[in-house]
mmCIF file of all heavy atoms, coordinates in Angstrom:
data_MODEL
# 
_entry.id   MODEL 
# 
loop_
_atom_site.group_PDB 
_atom_site.id 
_atom_site.type_symbol 
_atom_site.label_atom_id 
_atom_site.label_alt_id 
_atom_site.label_comp_id 
_atom_site.label_asym_id 
_atom_site.label_entity_id 
_atom_site.label_seq_id 
_atom_site.pdbx_PDB_ins_code 
_atom_site.Cartn_x 
_atom_site.Cartn_y 
_atom_site.Cartn_z 
_atom_site.occupancy 
_atom_site.B_iso_or_equiv 
_atom_site.pdbx_formal_charge 
_atom_site.auth_seq_id 
_atom_site.auth_comp_id 
_atom_site.auth_asym_id 
_atom_site.auth_atom_id 
_atom_site.pdbx_PDB_model_num 
ATOM 1   N N   . SER A 1 1  ? 118.422 107.327 103.851 1.00 0.00 ? 1  SER A N   1 
ATOM 2   C CA  . SER A 1 1  ? 117.186 107.888 103.329 1.00 0.00 ? 1  SER A CA  1 
ATOM 3   C C   . SER A 1 1  ? 116.495 108.834 104.294 1.00 0.00 ? 1  SER A C   1 
ATOM 4   O O   . SER A 1 1  ? 115.681 109.658 103.867 1.00 0.00 ? 1  SER A O   1 
ATOM 5   C CB  . SER A 1 1  ? 116.226 106.759 102.930 1.00 0.00 ? 1  SER A CB  1 
ATOM 6   O OG  . SER A 1 1  ? 115.938 105.936 104.042 1.00 0.00 ? 1  SER A OG  1 
ATOM 7   N N   . VAL A 1 2  ? 116.793 108.728 105.599 1.00 0.00 ? 2  VAL A N   1 
ATOM 8   C CA  . VAL A 1 2  ? 116.130 109.570 106.584 1.00 0.00 ? 2  VAL A CA  1 
ATOM 9   C C   . VAL A 1 2  ? 117.094 110.477 107.335 1.00 0.00 ? 2  VAL A C   1 
ATOM 10  O O   . VAL A 1 2  ? 116.649 111.325 108.101 1.00 0.00 ? 2  VAL A O   1 
ATOM 11  C CB  . VAL A 1 2  ? 115.331 108.728 107.602 1.00 0.00 ? 2  VAL A CB  1 
ATOM 12  C CG1 . VAL A 1 2  ? 114.357 107.795 106.892 1.00 0.00 ? 2  VAL A CG1 1 
ATOM 13  C CG2 . VAL A 1 2  ? 116.261 107.940 108.522 1.00 0.00 ? 2  VAL A CG2 1 
ATOM 14  N N   . LYS A 1 3  ? 118.386 110.306 107.115 1.00 0.00 ? 3  LYS A N   1 
ATOM 15  C CA  . LYS A 1 3  ? 119.388 111.089 107.834 1.00 0.00 ? 3  LYS A CA  1 
ATOM 16  C C   . LYS A 1 3  ? 119.177 112.577 107.600 1.00 0.00 ? 3  LYS A C   1 
ATOM 17  O O   . LYS A 1 3  ? 118.996 113.019 106.463 1.00 0.00 ? 3  LYS A O   1 
ATOM 18  C CB  . LYS A 1 3  ? 120.786 110.663 107.395 1.00 0.00 ? 3  LYS A CB  1 
ATOM 19  C CG  . LYS A 1 3  ? 121.916 111.154 108.283 1.00 0.00 ? 3  LYS A CG  1 
ATOM 20  C CD  . LYS A 1 3  ? 123.244 110.542 107.856 1.00 0.00 ? 3  LYS A CD  1 
ATOM 21  C CE  . LYS A 1 3  ? 123.227 109.026 107.963 1.00 0.00 ? 3  LYS A CE  1 
ATOM 22  N NZ  . LYS A 1 3  ? 124.524 108.421 107.565 1.00 0.00 ? 3  LYS A NZ  1 
ATOM 23  N N   . GLY A 1 4  ? 119.188 113.337 108.670 1.00 0.00 ? 4  GLY A N   1 
ATOM 24  C CA  . GLY A 1 4  ? 118.955 114.770 108.594 1.00 0.00 ? 4  GLY A CA  1 
ATOM 25  C C   . GLY A 1 4  ? 117.502 115.170 108.722 1.00 0.00 ? 4  GLY A C   1 
ATOM 26  O O   . GLY A 1 4  ? 117.207 116.347 108.928 1.00 0.00 ? 4  GLY A O   1 
ATOM 27  N N   . ARG A 1 5  ? 116.591 114.207 108.593 1.00 0.00 ? 5  ARG A N   1 
ATOM 28  C CA  . ARG A 1 5  ? 115.161 114.487 108.710 1.00 0.00 ? 5  ARG A CA  1 
ATOM 29  C C   . ARG A 1 5  ? 114.537 113.846 109.948 1.00 0.00 ? 5  ARG A C   1 
ATOM 30  O O   . ARG A 1 5  ? 113.631 114.416 110.548 1.00 0.00 ? 5  ARG A O   1 
ATOM 31  C CB  . ARG A 1 5  ? 114.416 114.005 107.471 1.00 0.00 ? 5  ARG A CB  1 
ATOM 32  C CG  . ARG A 1 5  ? 114.877 114.654 106.179 1.00 0.00 ? 5  ARG A CG  1 
ATOM 33  C CD  . ARG A 1 5  ? 113.963 114.285 105.015 1.00 0.00 ? 5  ARG A CD  1 
ATOM 34  N NE  . ARG A 1 5  ? 113.951 112.845 104.751 1.00 0.00 ? 5  ARG A NE  1 
ATOM 35  C CZ  . ARG A 1 5  ? 112.882 112.075 104.841 1.00 0.00 ? 5  ARG A CZ  1 
ATOM 36  N NH1 . ARG A 1 5  ? 111.705 112.585 105.173 1.00 0.00 ? 5  ARG A NH1 1 
ATOM 37  N NH2 . ARG A 1 5  ? 112.971 110.774 104.569 1.00 0.00 ? 5  ARG A NH2 1 
ATOM 38  N N   . PHE A 1 6  ? 115.005 112.664 110.309 1.00 0.00 ? 6  PHE A N   1 
ATOM 39  C CA  . PHE A 1 6  ? 114.453 111.913 111.438 1.00 0.00 ? 6  PHE A CA  1 
ATOM 40  C C   . PHE A 1 6  ? 115.430 111.943 112.604 1.00 0.00 ? 6  PHE A C   1 
ATOM 41  O O   . PHE A 1 6  ? 116.653 111.928 112.406 1.00 0.00 ? 6  PHE A O   1 
ATOM 42  C CB  . PHE A 1 6  ? 114.189 110.459 111.067 1.00 0.00 ? 6  PHE A CB  1 
ATOM 43  C CG  . PHE A 1 6  ? 113.064 110.231 110.096 1.00 0.00 ? 6  PHE A CG  1 
ATOM 44  C CD1 . PHE A 1 6  ? 112.451 111.281 109.430 1.00 0.00 ? 6  PHE A CD1 1 
ATOM 45  C CD2 . PHE A 1 6  ? 112.617 108.948 109.849 1.00 0.00 ? 6  PHE A CD2 1 
ATOM 46  C CE1 . PHE A 1 6  ? 111.416 111.063 108.537 1.00 0.00 ? 6  PHE A CE1 1 
ATOM 47  C CE2 . PHE A 1 6  ? 111.587 108.705 108.962 1.00 0.00 ? 6  PHE A CE2 1 
ATOM 48  C CZ  . PHE A 1 6  ? 110.984 109.767 108.297 1.00 0.00 ? 6  PHE A CZ  1 
ATOM 49  N N   . THR A 1 7  ? 114.905 111.924 113.825 1.00 0.00 ? 7  THR A N   1 
ATOM 50  C CA  . THR A 1 7  ? 115.726 111.911 115.030 1.00 0.00 ? 7  THR A CA  1 
ATOM 51  C C   . THR A 1 7  ? 115.164 110.912 116.021 1.00 0.00 ? 7  THR A C   1 
ATOM 52  O O   . THR A 1 7  ? 113.975 110.954 116.345 1.00 0.00 ? 7  THR A O   1 
ATOM 53  C CB  . THR A 1 7  ? 115.789 113.296 115.691 1.00 0.00 ? 7  THR A CB  1 
ATOM 54  O OG1 . THR A 1 7  ? 116.294 114.264 114.760 1.00 0.00 ? 7  THR A OG1 1 
ATOM 55  C CG2 . THR A 1 7  ? 116.705 113.257 116.908 1.00 0.00 ? 7  THR A CG2 1 
ATOM 56  N N   . ILE A 1 8  ? 116.010 110.011 116.505 1.00 0.00 ? 8  ILE A N   1 
ATOM 57  C CA  . ILE A 1 8  ? 115.639 109.049 117.534 1.00 0.00 ? 8  ILE A CA  1 
ATOM 58  C C   . ILE A 1 8  ? 116.106 109.561 118.888 1.00 0.00 ? 8  ILE A C   1 
ATOM 59  O O   . ILE A 1 8  ? 117.226 110.062 119.018 1.00 0.00 ? 8  ILE A O   1 
ATOM 60  C CB  . ILE A 1 8  ? 116.249 107.667 117.259 1.00 0.00 ? 8  ILE A CB  1 
ATOM 61  C CG1 . ILE A 1 8  ? 115.737 107.108 115.941 1.00 0.00 ? 8  ILE A CG1 1 
ATOM 62  C CG2 . ILE A 1 8  ? 115.951 106.696 118.394 1.00 0.00 ? 8  ILE A CG2 1 
ATOM 63  C CD1 . ILE A 1 8  ? 116.424 105.828 115.525 1.00 0.00 ? 8  ILE A CD1 1 
ATOM 64  N N   . SER A 1 9  ? 115.260 109.425 119.883 1.00 0.00 ? 9  SER A N   1 
ATOM 65  C CA  . SER A 1 9  ? 115.630 109.754 121.242 1.00 0.00 ? 9  SER A CA  1 
ATOM 66  C C   . SER A 1 9  ? 114.995 108.753 122.189 1.00 0.00 ? 9  SER A C   1 
ATOM 67  O O   . SER A 1 9  ? 114.133 107.958 121.791 1.00 0.00 ? 9  SER A O   1 
ATOM 68  C CB  . SER A 1 9  ? 115.209 111.186 121.606 1.00 0.00 ? 9  SER A CB  1 
ATOM 69  O OG  . SER A 1 9  ? 113.805 111.337 121.530 1.00 0.00 ? 9  SER A OG  1 
ATOM 70  N N   . ARG A 1 10 ? 115.448 108.761 123.441 1.00 0.00 ? 10 ARG A N   1 
ATOM 71  C CA  . ARG A 1 10 ? 114.867 107.843 124.410 1.00 0.00 ? 10 ARG A CA  1 
ATOM 72  C C   . ARG A 1 10 ? 114.825 108.479 125.785 1.00 0.00 ? 10 ARG A C   1 
ATOM 73  O O   . ARG A 1 10 ? 115.657 109.330 126.121 1.00 0.00 ? 10 ARG A O   1 
ATOM 74  C CB  . ARG A 1 10 ? 115.623 106.513 124.443 1.00 0.00 ? 10 ARG A CB  1 
ATOM 75  C CG  . ARG A 1 10 ? 117.053 106.593 124.992 1.00 0.00 ? 10 ARG A CG  1 
ATOM 76  C CD  . ARG A 1 10 ? 117.785 105.264 124.754 1.00 0.00 ? 10 ARG A CD  1 
ATOM 77  N NE  . ARG A 1 10 ? 117.132 104.152 125.435 1.00 0.00 ? 10 ARG A NE  1 
ATOM 78  C CZ  . ARG A 1 10 ? 117.326 102.874 125.137 1.00 0.00 ? 10 ARG A CZ  1 
ATOM 79  N NH1 . ARG A 1 10 ? 118.156 102.531 124.152 1.00 0.00 ? 10 ARG A NH1 1 
ATOM 80  N NH2 . ARG A 1 10 ? 116.690 101.926 125.821 1.00 0.00 ? 10 ARG A NH2 1 
ATOM 81  N N   . ASP A 1 11 ? 113.844 108.060 126.561 1.00 0.00 ? 11 ASP A N   1 
ATOM 82  C CA  . ASP A 1 11 ? 113.707 108.481 127.942 1.00 0.00 ? 11 ASP A CA  1 
ATOM 83  C C   . ASP A 1 11 ? 113.582 107.200 128.751 1.00 0.00 ? 11 ASP A C   1 
ATOM 84  O O   . ASP A 1 11 ? 112.502 106.606 128.823 1.00 0.00 ? 11 ASP A O   1 
ATOM 85  C CB  . ASP A 1 11 ? 112.489 109.380 128.117 1.00 0.00 ? 11 ASP A CB  1 
ATOM 86  C CG  . ASP A 1 11 ? 112.388 109.957 129.524 1.00 0.00 ? 11 ASP A CG  1 
ATOM 87  O OD1 . ASP A 1 11 ? 112.915 109.352 130.470 1.00 0.00 ? 11 ASP A OD1 1 
ATOM 88  O OD2 . ASP A 1 11 ? 111.768 111.035 129.673 1.00 0.00 ? 11 ASP A OD2 1 
ATOM 89  N N   . ASN A 1 12 ? 114.682 106.769 129.338 1.00 0.00 ? 12 ASN A N   1 
ATOM 90  C CA  . ASN A 1 12 ? 114.683 105.496 130.057 1.00 0.00 ? 12 ASN A CA  1 
ATOM 91  C C   . ASN A 1 12 ? 113.864 105.553 131.337 1.00 0.00 ? 12 ASN A C   1 
ATOM 92  O O   . ASN A 1 12 ? 113.421 104.517 131.836 1.00 0.00 ? 12 ASN A O   1 
ATOM 93  C CB  . ASN A 1 12 ? 116.120 105.053 130.346 1.00 0.00 ? 12 ASN A CB  1 
ATOM 94  C CG  . ASN A 1 12 ? 116.837 104.565 129.104 1.00 0.00 ? 12 ASN A CG  1 
ATOM 95  O OD1 . ASN A 1 12 ? 116.215 104.248 128.091 1.00 0.00 ? 12 ASN A OD1 1 
ATOM 96  N ND2 . ASN A 1 12 ? 118.159 104.500 129.176 1.00 0.00 ? 12 ASN A ND2 1 
ATOM 97  N N   . VAL A 1 13 ? 113.667 106.755 131.890 1.00 0.00 ? 13 VAL A N   1 
ATOM 98  C CA  . VAL A 1 13 ? 112.819 106.885 133.062 1.00 0.00 ? 13 VAL A CA  1 
ATOM 99  C C   . VAL A 1 13 ? 111.356 106.631 132.692 1.00 0.00 ? 13 VAL A C   1 
ATOM 100 O O   . VAL A 1 13 ? 110.631 105.935 133.399 1.00 0.00 ? 13 VAL A O   1 
ATOM 101 C CB  . VAL A 1 13 ? 112.975 108.274 133.710 1.00 0.00 ? 13 VAL A CB  1 
ATOM 102 C CG1 . VAL A 1 13 ? 111.981 108.450 134.844 1.00 0.00 ? 13 VAL A CG1 1 
ATOM 103 C CG2 . VAL A 1 13 ? 114.402 108.458 134.214 1.00 0.00 ? 13 VAL A CG2 1 
ATOM 104 N N   . LYS A 1 14 ? 110.928 107.179 131.561 1.00 0.00 ? 14 LYS A N   1 
ATOM 105 C CA  . LYS A 1 14 ? 109.570 106.957 131.077 1.00 0.00 ? 14 LYS A CA  1 
ATOM 106 C C   . LYS A 1 14 ? 109.415 105.646 130.324 1.00 0.00 ? 14 LYS A C   1 
ATOM 107 O O   . LYS A 1 14 ? 108.303 105.278 129.942 1.00 0.00 ? 14 LYS A O   1 
ATOM 108 C CB  . LYS A 1 14 ? 109.146 108.107 130.171 1.00 0.00 ? 14 LYS A CB  1 
ATOM 109 C CG  . LYS A 1 14 ? 109.009 109.443 130.871 1.00 0.00 ? 14 LYS A CG  1 
ATOM 110 C CD  . LYS A 1 14 ? 108.521 110.512 129.907 1.00 0.00 ? 14 LYS A CD  1 
ATOM 111 C CE  . LYS A 1 14 ? 108.327 111.842 130.608 1.00 0.00 ? 14 LYS A CE  1 
ATOM 112 N NZ  . LYS A 1 14 ? 107.867 112.898 129.679 1.00 0.00 ? 14 LYS A NZ  1 
ATOM 113 N N   . ASN A 1 15 ? 110.530 104.957 130.084 1.00 0.00 ? 15 ASN A N   1 
ATOM 114 C CA  . ASN A 1 15 ? 110.515 103.671 129.391 1.00 0.00 ? 15 ASN A CA  1 
ATOM 115 C C   . ASN A 1 15 ? 109.931 103.815 127.978 1.00 0.00 ? 15 ASN A C   1 
ATOM 116 O O   . ASN A 1 15 ? 109.154 102.988 127.509 1.00 0.00 ? 15 ASN A O   1 
ATOM 117 C CB  . ASN A 1 15 ? 109.707 102.631 130.175 1.00 0.00 ? 15 ASN A CB  1 
ATOM 118 C CG  . ASN A 1 15 ? 110.486 101.362 130.445 1.00 0.00 ? 15 ASN A CG  1 
ATOM 119 O OD1 . ASN A 1 15 ? 111.719 101.353 130.455 1.00 0.00 ? 15 ASN A OD1 1 
ATOM 120 N ND2 . ASN A 1 15 ? 109.772 100.272 130.663 1.00 0.00 ? 15 ASN A ND2 1 
ATOM 121 N N   . THR A 1 16 ? 110.341 104.878 127.298 1.00 0.00 ? 16 THR A N   1 
ATOM 122 C CA  . THR A 1 16 ? 109.777 105.214 126.004 1.00 0.00 ? 16 THR A CA  1 
ATOM 123 C C   . THR A 1 16 ? 110.882 105.643 125.038 1.00 0.00 ? 16 THR A C   1 
ATOM 124 O O   . THR A 1 16 ? 111.840 106.323 125.442 1.00 0.00 ? 16 THR A O   1 
ATOM 125 C CB  . THR A 1 16 ? 108.739 106.332 126.129 1.00 0.00 ? 16 THR A CB  1 
ATOM 126 O OG1 . THR A 1 16 ? 107.704 105.916 127.023 1.00 0.00 ? 16 THR A OG1 1 
ATOM 127 C CG2 . THR A 1 16 ? 108.119 106.653 124.783 1.00 0.00 ? 16 THR A CG2 1 
ATOM 128 N N   . VAL A 1 17 ? 110.742 105.243 123.784 1.00 0.00 ? 17 VAL A N   1 
ATOM 129 C CA  . VAL A 1 17 ? 111.634 105.645 122.700 1.00 0.00 ? 17 VAL A CA  1 
ATOM 130 C C   . VAL A 1 17 ? 110.811 106.430 121.685 1.00 0.00 ? 17 VAL A C   1 
ATOM 131 O O   . VAL A 1 17 ? 109.638 106.122 121.453 1.00 0.00 ? 17 VAL A O   1 
ATOM 132 C CB  . VAL A 1 17 ? 112.298 104.421 122.049 1.00 0.00 ? 17 VAL A CB  1 
ATOM 133 C CG1 . VAL A 1 17 ? 113.253 104.849 120.944 1.00 0.00 ? 17 VAL A CG1 1 
ATOM 134 C CG2 . VAL A 1 17 ? 113.031 103.608 123.094 1.00 0.00 ? 17 VAL A CG2 1 
ATOM 135 N N   . TYR A 1 18 ? 111.430 107.440 121.062 1.00 0.00 ? 18 TYR A N   1 
ATOM 136 C CA  . TYR A 1 18 ? 110.722 108.334 120.167 1.00 0.00 ? 18 TYR A CA  1 
ATOM 137 C C   . TYR A 1 18 ? 111.379 108.372 118.788 1.00 0.00 ? 18 TYR A C   1 
ATOM 138 O O   . TYR A 1 18 ? 112.593 108.168 118.653 1.00 0.00 ? 18 TYR A O   1 
ATOM 139 C CB  . TYR A 1 18 ? 110.687 109.755 120.732 1.00 0.00 ? 18 TYR A CB  1 
ATOM 140 C CG  . TYR A 1 18 ? 110.116 109.849 122.114 1.00 0.00 ? 18 TYR A CG  1 
ATOM 141 C CD1 . TYR A 1 18 ? 110.942 109.824 123.224 1.00 0.00 ? 18 TYR A CD1 1 
ATOM 142 C CD2 . TYR A 1 18 ? 108.741 109.964 122.314 1.00 0.00 ? 18 TYR A CD2 1 
ATOM 143 C CE1 . TYR A 1 18 ? 110.422 109.907 124.508 1.00 0.00 ? 18 TYR A CE1 1 
ATOM 144 C CE2 . TYR A 1 18 ? 108.210 110.049 123.579 1.00 0.00 ? 18 TYR A CE2 1 
ATOM 145 C CZ  . TYR A 1 18 ? 109.054 110.021 124.674 1.00 0.00 ? 18 TYR A CZ  1 
ATOM 146 O OH  . TYR A 1 18 ? 108.517 110.102 125.932 1.00 0.00 ? 18 TYR A OH  1 
ATOM 147 N N   . LEU A 1 19 ? 110.567 108.651 117.789 1.00 0.00 ? 19 LEU A N   1 
ATOM 148 C CA  . LEU A 1 19 ? 111.064 108.921 116.447 1.00 0.00 ? 19 LEU A CA  1 
ATOM 149 C C   . LEU A 1 19 ? 110.410 110.208 115.958 1.00 0.00 ? 19 LEU A C   1 
ATOM 150 O O   . LEU A 1 19 ? 109.224 110.222 115.632 1.00 0.00 ? 19 LEU A O   1 
ATOM 151 C CB  . LEU A 1 19 ? 110.755 107.776 115.484 1.00 0.00 ? 19 LEU A CB  1 
ATOM 152 C CG  . LEU A 1 19 ? 111.241 107.960 114.053 1.00 0.00 ? 19 LEU A CG  1 
ATOM 153 C CD1 . LEU A 1 19 ? 112.772 107.973 114.000 1.00 0.00 ? 19 LEU A CD1 1 
ATOM 154 C CD2 . LEU A 1 19 ? 110.689 106.860 113.150 1.00 0.00 ? 19 LEU A CD2 1 
ATOM 155 N N   . GLN A 1 20 ? 111.183 111.281 115.940 1.00 0.00 ? 20 GLN A N   1 
ATOM 156 C CA  . GLN A 1 20 ? 110.707 112.561 115.418 1.00 0.00 ? 20 GLN A CA  1 
ATOM 157 C C   . GLN A 1 20 ? 110.964 112.590 113.919 1.00 0.00 ? 20 GLN A C   1 
ATOM 158 O O   . GLN A 1 20 ? 112.099 112.455 113.481 1.00 0.00 ? 20 GLN A O   1 
ATOM 159 C CB  . GLN A 1 20 ? 111.421 113.725 116.106 1.00 0.00 ? 20 GLN A CB  1 
ATOM 160 C CG  . GLN A 1 20 ? 111.020 115.091 115.579 1.00 0.00 ? 20 GLN A CG  1 
ATOM 161 C CD  . GLN A 1 20 ? 109.577 115.429 115.868 1.00 0.00 ? 20 GLN A CD  1 
ATOM 162 O OE1 . GLN A 1 20 ? 109.130 115.330 116.994 1.00 0.00 ? 20 GLN A OE1 1 
ATOM 163 N NE2 . GLN A 1 20 ? 108.836 115.819 114.831 1.00 0.00 ? 20 GLN A NE2 1 
ATOM 164 N N   . MET A 1 21 ? 109.908 112.776 113.144 1.00 0.00 ? 21 MET A N   1 
ATOM 165 C CA  . MET A 1 21 ? 110.001 112.760 111.687 1.00 0.00 ? 21 MET A CA  1 
ATOM 166 C C   . MET A 1 21 ? 109.633 114.139 111.148 1.00 0.00 ? 21 MET A C   1 
ATOM 167 O O   . MET A 1 21 ? 108.501 114.598 111.329 1.00 0.00 ? 21 MET A O   1 
ATOM 168 C CB  . MET A 1 21 ? 109.075 111.697 111.093 1.00 0.00 ? 21 MET A CB  1 
ATOM 169 C CG  . MET A 1 21 ? 109.319 110.297 111.654 1.00 0.00 ? 21 MET A CG  1 
ATOM 170 S SD  . MET A 1 21 ? 108.299 109.037 110.850 1.00 0.00 ? 21 MET A SD  1 
ATOM 171 C CE  . MET A 1 21 ? 106.664 109.557 111.384 1.00 0.00 ? 21 MET A CE  1 
ATOM 172 N N   . ASN A 1 22 ? 110.578 114.771 110.499 1.00 0.00 ? 22 ASN A N   1 
ATOM 173 C CA  . ASN A 1 22 ? 110.375 116.088 109.905 1.00 0.00 ? 22 ASN A CA  1 
ATOM 174 C C   . ASN A 1 22 ? 110.560 116.009 108.400 1.00 0.00 ? 22 ASN A C   1 
ATOM 175 O O   . ASN A 1 22 ? 111.126 115.063 107.873 1.00 0.00 ? 22 ASN A O   1 
ATOM 176 C CB  . ASN A 1 22 ? 111.365 117.100 110.486 1.00 0.00 ? 22 ASN A CB  1 
ATOM 177 C CG  . ASN A 1 22 ? 111.201 117.310 111.965 1.00 0.00 ? 22 ASN A CG  1 
ATOM 178 O OD1 . ASN A 1 22 ? 110.092 117.301 112.494 1.00 0.00 ? 22 ASN A OD1 1 
ATOM 179 N ND2 . ASN A 1 22 ? 112.314 117.526 112.673 1.00 0.00 ? 22 ASN A ND2 1 
ATOM 180 N N   . SER A 1 23 ? 110.098 117.045 107.711 1.00 0.00 ? 23 SER A N   1 
ATOM 181 C CA  . SER A 1 23 ? 110.231 117.129 106.251 1.00 0.00 ? 23 SER A CA  1 
ATOM 182 C C   . SER A 1 23 ? 109.765 115.850 105.583 1.00 0.00 ? 23 SER A C   1 
ATOM 183 O O   . SER A 1 23 ? 110.437 115.281 104.732 1.00 0.00 ? 23 SER A O   1 
ATOM 184 C CB  . SER A 1 23 ? 111.686 117.443 105.873 1.00 0.00 ? 23 SER A CB  1 
ATOM 185 O OG  . SER A 1 23 ? 112.119 118.643 106.467 1.00 0.00 ? 23 SER A OG  1 
ATOM 186 N N   . LEU A 1 24 ? 108.583 115.398 105.954 1.00 0.00 ? 24 LEU A N   1 
ATOM 187 C CA  . LEU A 1 24 ? 108.070 114.116 105.476 1.00 0.00 ? 24 LEU A CA  1 
ATOM 188 C C   . LEU A 1 24 ? 107.865 114.131 103.963 1.00 0.00 ? 24 LEU A C   1 
ATOM 189 O O   . LEU A 1 24 ? 107.473 115.144 103.384 1.00 0.00 ? 24 LEU A O   1 
ATOM 190 C CB  . LEU A 1 24 ? 106.768 113.779 106.172 1.00 0.00 ? 24 LEU A CB  1 
ATOM 191 C CG  . LEU A 1 24 ? 106.916 113.305 107.629 1.00 0.00 ? 24 LEU A CG  1 
ATOM 192 C CD1 . LEU A 1 24 ? 105.582 113.354 108.346 1.00 0.00 ? 24 LEU A CD1 1 
ATOM 193 C CD2 . LEU A 1 24 ? 107.478 111.883 107.657 1.00 0.00 ? 24 LEU A CD2 1 
ATOM 194 N N   . LYS A 1 25 ? 108.124 112.985 103.360 1.00 0.00 ? 25 LYS A N   1 
ATOM 195 C CA  . LYS A 1 25 ? 107.943 112.766 101.932 1.00 0.00 ? 25 LYS A CA  1 
ATOM 196 C C   . LYS A 1 25 ? 106.951 111.633 101.718 1.00 0.00 ? 25 LYS A C   1 
ATOM 197 O O   . LYS A 1 25 ? 106.735 110.813 102.606 1.00 0.00 ? 25 LYS A O   1 
ATOM 198 C CB  . LYS A 1 25 ? 109.280 112.402 101.277 1.00 0.00 ? 25 LYS A CB  1 
ATOM 199 C CG  . LYS A 1 25 ? 110.401 113.389 101.521 1.00 0.00 ? 25 LYS A CG  1 
ATOM 200 C CD  . LYS A 1 25 ? 111.715 112.868 100.949 1.00 0.00 ? 25 LYS A CD  1 
ATOM 201 C CE  . LYS A 1 25 ? 112.850 113.828 101.188 1.00 0.00 ? 25 LYS A CE  1 
ATOM 202 N NZ  . LYS A 1 25 ? 114.139 113.311 100.645 1.00 0.00 ? 25 LYS A NZ  1 
ATOM 203 N N   . SER A 1 26 ? 106.381 111.575 100.533 1.00 0.00 ? 26 SER A N   1 
ATOM 204 C CA  . SER A 1 26 ? 105.415 110.521 100.246 1.00 0.00 ? 26 SER A CA  1 
ATOM 205 C C   . SER A 1 26 ? 106.046 109.133 100.395 1.00 0.00 ? 26 SER A C   1 
ATOM 206 O O   . SER A 1 26 ? 105.358 108.186 100.803 1.00 0.00 ? 26 SER A O   1 
ATOM 207 C CB  . SER A 1 26 ? 104.831 110.688 98.846  1.00 0.00 ? 26 SER A CB  1 
ATOM 208 O OG  . SER A 1 26 ? 105.847 110.641 97.859  1.00 0.00 ? 26 SER A OG  1 
# 
């Protein structure tokens, strides 16, 4: 349902994980 629109990344130095969400739908 989110493939191609959402991207997960991580920065282990900053101890943080991210979720970039594009082309958002209701």
